[in-house]
Amino acid sequence: MTIDCTSHAAALLALDLGTTTGWALCAPGSPITHGSVSFKPQRFEGGGMRYLRFRRWLTELKATVDAPQGLGAVYFEEVRRHLGVDAAHAYGGFLATLTAWCEHHQIPYQGVPVATIKRHATGSGAAGKSVVIAAMRERGYPVSDDNEADALAILHWALAQQDGERGHG
């Protein structure tokens, strides 16, 4: 069950932040596009270059949005616990880069707790990666990894929230 984005005036972007960042974009008049992109540090580059590449990628993605109100909001997975120090540091760098970029472009942004995303996608806030991947595949998305599946799950949650607000307004 894929979602038609034509009822939205502005595009929505959902991100699963990390060295491999999952993304999903819902732009008016277009089907949902999605994927994952690697920001793995390159040989001989400084520690901040991955964040500069991430910022450039965000700007390039924003430039592809052909919507009356442009990119209307960014939603991201709000992680509160990491299994390793390196993952926590990388996430913090991506989060800082994303929020500064959104502030610069005056784009609203919102973090969504992991359990909320999983509960919406699968019915269980404790669902594993394979269950989220399966849930997105059942909705008709040929996802390649858990990052892409998480981004799609975030986007579906965000669209449900917006549709709920319109229904009660």
Protein backbone atom coordinates (compact mmCIF):
# COMPACT_ATOMS: atom_id res chain seq x y z
CA MET A 1 0.00 0.00 0.00
CA THR A 2 2.01 2.96 -1.24
CA ILE A 3 0.94 6.49 -0.40
CA ASP A 4 0.11 9.22 -2.88
CA CYS A 5 1.74 12.51 -1.93
CA THR A 6 -0.54 14.73 -4.06
CA SER A 7 -2.65 15.86 -1.09
CA HIS A 8 0.32 17.60 0.52
CA ALA A 9 1.37 21.13 -0.54
CA ALA A 10 4.90 20.76 0.80
CA ALA A 11 7.37 17.90 0.58
CA LEU A 12 8.28 15.86 3.65
CA LEU A 13 11.68 14.29 4.23
CA ALA A 14 12.32 11.46 6.69
CA LEU A 15 15.82 10.45 7.75
CA ASP A 16 17.41 7.60 9.67
CA LEU A 17 20.64 9.36 10.62
CA GLY A 18 23.95 7.53 10.67
CA THR A 19 27.04 6.67 8.69
CA THR A 20 24.60 5.01 6.30
CA THR A 21 21.64 7.37 6.29
CA GLY A 22 18.26 6.10 5.19
CA TRP A 23 15.95 8.63 3.53
CA ALA A 24 12.40 8.84 2.22
CA LEU A 25 10.85 11.81 0.44
CA CYS A 26 7.19 12.53 -0.19
CA ALA A 27 6.79 15.37 -2.70
CA PRO A 28 3.43 16.55 -4.08
CA GLY A 29 2.58 14.96 -7.41
CA SER A 30 5.28 12.30 -7.08
CA PRO A 31 5.51 8.82 -5.67
CA ILE A 32 7.56 8.39 -2.51
CA THR A 33 11.26 8.13 -3.31
CA HIS A 34 13.65 6.44 -0.91
CA GLY A 35 17.08 4.97 -0.47
CA SER A 36 20.19 5.07 1.64
CA VAL A 37 23.44 6.96 1.24
CA SER A 38 26.83 6.32 2.85
CA PHE A 39 28.78 9.02 4.67
CA LYS A 40 31.58 6.70 5.67
CA PRO A 41 34.78 8.68 6.29
CA GLN A 42 37.03 8.69 3.23
CA ARG A 43 40.72 7.93 3.39
CA PHE A 44 42.85 11.02 4.06
CA GLU A 45 39.92 13.34 4.87
CA GLY A 46 39.42 15.22 8.12
CA GLY A 47 36.85 14.14 10.67
CA GLY A 48 34.35 16.84 9.73
CA MET A 49 34.24 16.10 6.01
CA ARG A 50 31.52 13.46 6.33
CA TYR A 51 29.24 16.16 7.83
CA LEU A 52 30.08 18.59 5.04
CA ARG A 53 29.21 15.88 2.51
CA PHE A 54 25.95 15.24 4.44
CA ARG A 55 25.07 18.96 4.35
CA ARG A 56 25.82 19.13 0.61
CA TRP A 57 23.65 16.04 0.03
CA LEU A 58 20.77 17.66 1.96
CA THR A 59 21.07 20.80 -0.17
CA GLU A 60 21.13 18.76 -3.39
CA LEU A 61 18.09 16.75 -2.28
CA LYS A 62 16.23 19.96 -1.36
CA ALA A 63 16.98 21.32 -4.86
CA THR A 64 15.19 18.33 -6.43
CA VAL A 65 11.93 19.12 -4.61
CA ASP A 66 9.40 20.60 -7.01
CA ALA A 67 6.59 21.55 -4.66
CA PRO A 68 4.62 24.78 -4.25
CA GLN A 69 5.86 25.17 -0.67
CA GLY A 70 9.22 23.42 -1.12
CA LEU A 71 10.50 21.17 1.61
CA GLY A 72 7.96 21.64 4.39
CA ALA A 73 9.41 19.52 7.21
CA VAL A 74 12.12 17.04 8.11
CA TYR A 75 11.52 14.12 10.46
CA PHE A 76 14.30 11.98 11.87
CA GLU A 77 14.73 9.01 14.15
CA GLU A 78 15.46 10.27 17.65
CA VAL A 79 17.92 7.82 19.16
CA ARG A 80 18.46 8.02 22.93
CA ARG A 81 20.74 5.01 23.38
CA HIS A 82 23.65 3.81 21.27
CA LEU A 83 25.50 0.54 21.47
CA GLY A 84 28.89 2.19 20.98
CA VAL A 85 30.68 5.47 21.55
CA ASP A 86 31.59 5.88 17.88
CA ALA A 87 27.94 5.46 16.83
CA ALA A 88 26.86 8.01 19.43
CA HIS A 89 29.44 10.52 18.23
CA ALA A 90 28.52 10.03 14.58
CA TYR A 91 24.79 10.39 15.33
CA GLY A 92 25.45 13.57 17.30
CA GLY A 93 27.41 15.03 14.39
CA PHE A 94 24.69 14.19 11.88
CA LEU A 95 22.00 15.54 14.22
CA ALA A 96 23.89 18.82 14.76
CA THR A 97 24.48 19.20 11.02
CA LEU A 98 20.82 18.44 10.20
CA THR A 99 19.31 20.79 12.77
CA ALA A 100 21.69 23.64 11.83
CA TRP A 101 20.89 23.08 8.14
CA CYS A 102 17.13 23.10 8.87
CA GLU A 103 17.46 26.29 10.94
CA HIS A 104 19.47 27.94 8.14
CA HIS A 105 16.80 27.04 5.56
CA GLN A 106 13.91 27.74 7.97
CA ILE A 107 12.58 24.20 7.65
CA PRO A 108 10.74 22.73 10.65
CA TYR A 109 12.21 19.50 12.00
CA GLN A 110 11.11 16.90 14.52
CA GLY A 111 12.69 13.86 16.11
CA VAL A 112 10.54 10.77 16.49
CA PRO A 113 11.38 8.19 19.19
CA VAL A 114 12.48 4.79 17.94
CA ALA A 115 9.69 2.89 19.75
CA THR A 116 7.04 5.23 18.29
CA ILE A 117 8.28 4.52 14.76
CA LYS A 118 8.42 0.76 15.29
CA ARG A 119 4.99 0.68 16.95
CA HIS A 120 3.43 2.59 14.05
CA ALA A 121 5.11 0.41 11.41
CA THR A 122 4.73 -3.02 13.02
CA GLY A 123 2.43 -2.78 16.02
CA SER A 124 5.33 -3.40 18.42
CA GLY A 125 7.68 -0.78 19.81
CA ALA A 126 10.29 -3.50 20.34
CA ALA A 127 10.26 -4.85 16.77
CA GLY A 128 13.61 -5.88 15.34
CA LYS A 129 15.19 -4.56 12.15
CA SER A 130 13.99 -7.51 10.06
CA VAL A 131 10.38 -6.94 11.17
CA VAL A 132 10.49 -3.26 10.12
CA ILE A 133 12.04 -4.25 6.77
CA ALA A 134 9.28 -6.84 6.26
CA ALA A 135 6.59 -4.29 7.17
CA MET A 136 7.87 -1.82 4.57
CA ARG A 137 8.16 -4.55 1.93
CA GLU A 138 4.55 -5.55 2.69
CA ARG A 139 3.60 -1.93 1.90
CA GLY A 140 5.18 -2.32 -1.52
CA TYR A 141 8.62 -0.78 -1.02
CA PRO A 142 11.64 -2.71 -2.32
CA VAL A 143 13.91 -1.70 0.57
CA SER A 144 17.57 -2.71 0.51
CA ASP A 145 18.49 -2.22 4.17
CA ASP A 146 17.20 -1.33 7.63
CA ASN A 147 18.18 2.35 7.25
CA GLU A 148 15.92 2.77 4.23
CA ALA A 149 13.13 0.82 5.94
CA ASP A 150 13.40 3.01 9.05
CA ALA A 151 13.22 6.19 6.94
CA LEU A 152 10.08 4.91 5.21
CA ALA A 153 8.55 4.01 8.58
CA ILE A 154 9.30 7.53 9.86
CA LEU A 155 7.73 9.05 6.74
CA HIS A 156 4.58 6.93 7.13
CA TRP A 157 4.33 8.02 10.78
CA ALA A 158 4.75 11.70 9.80
CA LEU A 159 2.13 11.45 7.04
CA ALA A 160 -0.31 9.79 9.45
CA GLN A 161 0.24 12.62 11.94
CA GLN A 162 -0.36 15.28 9.30
CA ASP A 163 -3.41 13.52 7.93
CA GLY A 164 -4.78 13.23 11.49
CA GLU A 165 -4.26 16.96 12.07
CA ARG A 166 -6.05 17.83 8.82
CA GLY A 167 -8.92 15.53 9.75
CA HIS A 168 -9.41 17.29 13.10
CA GLY A 169 -8.84 20.84 11.91
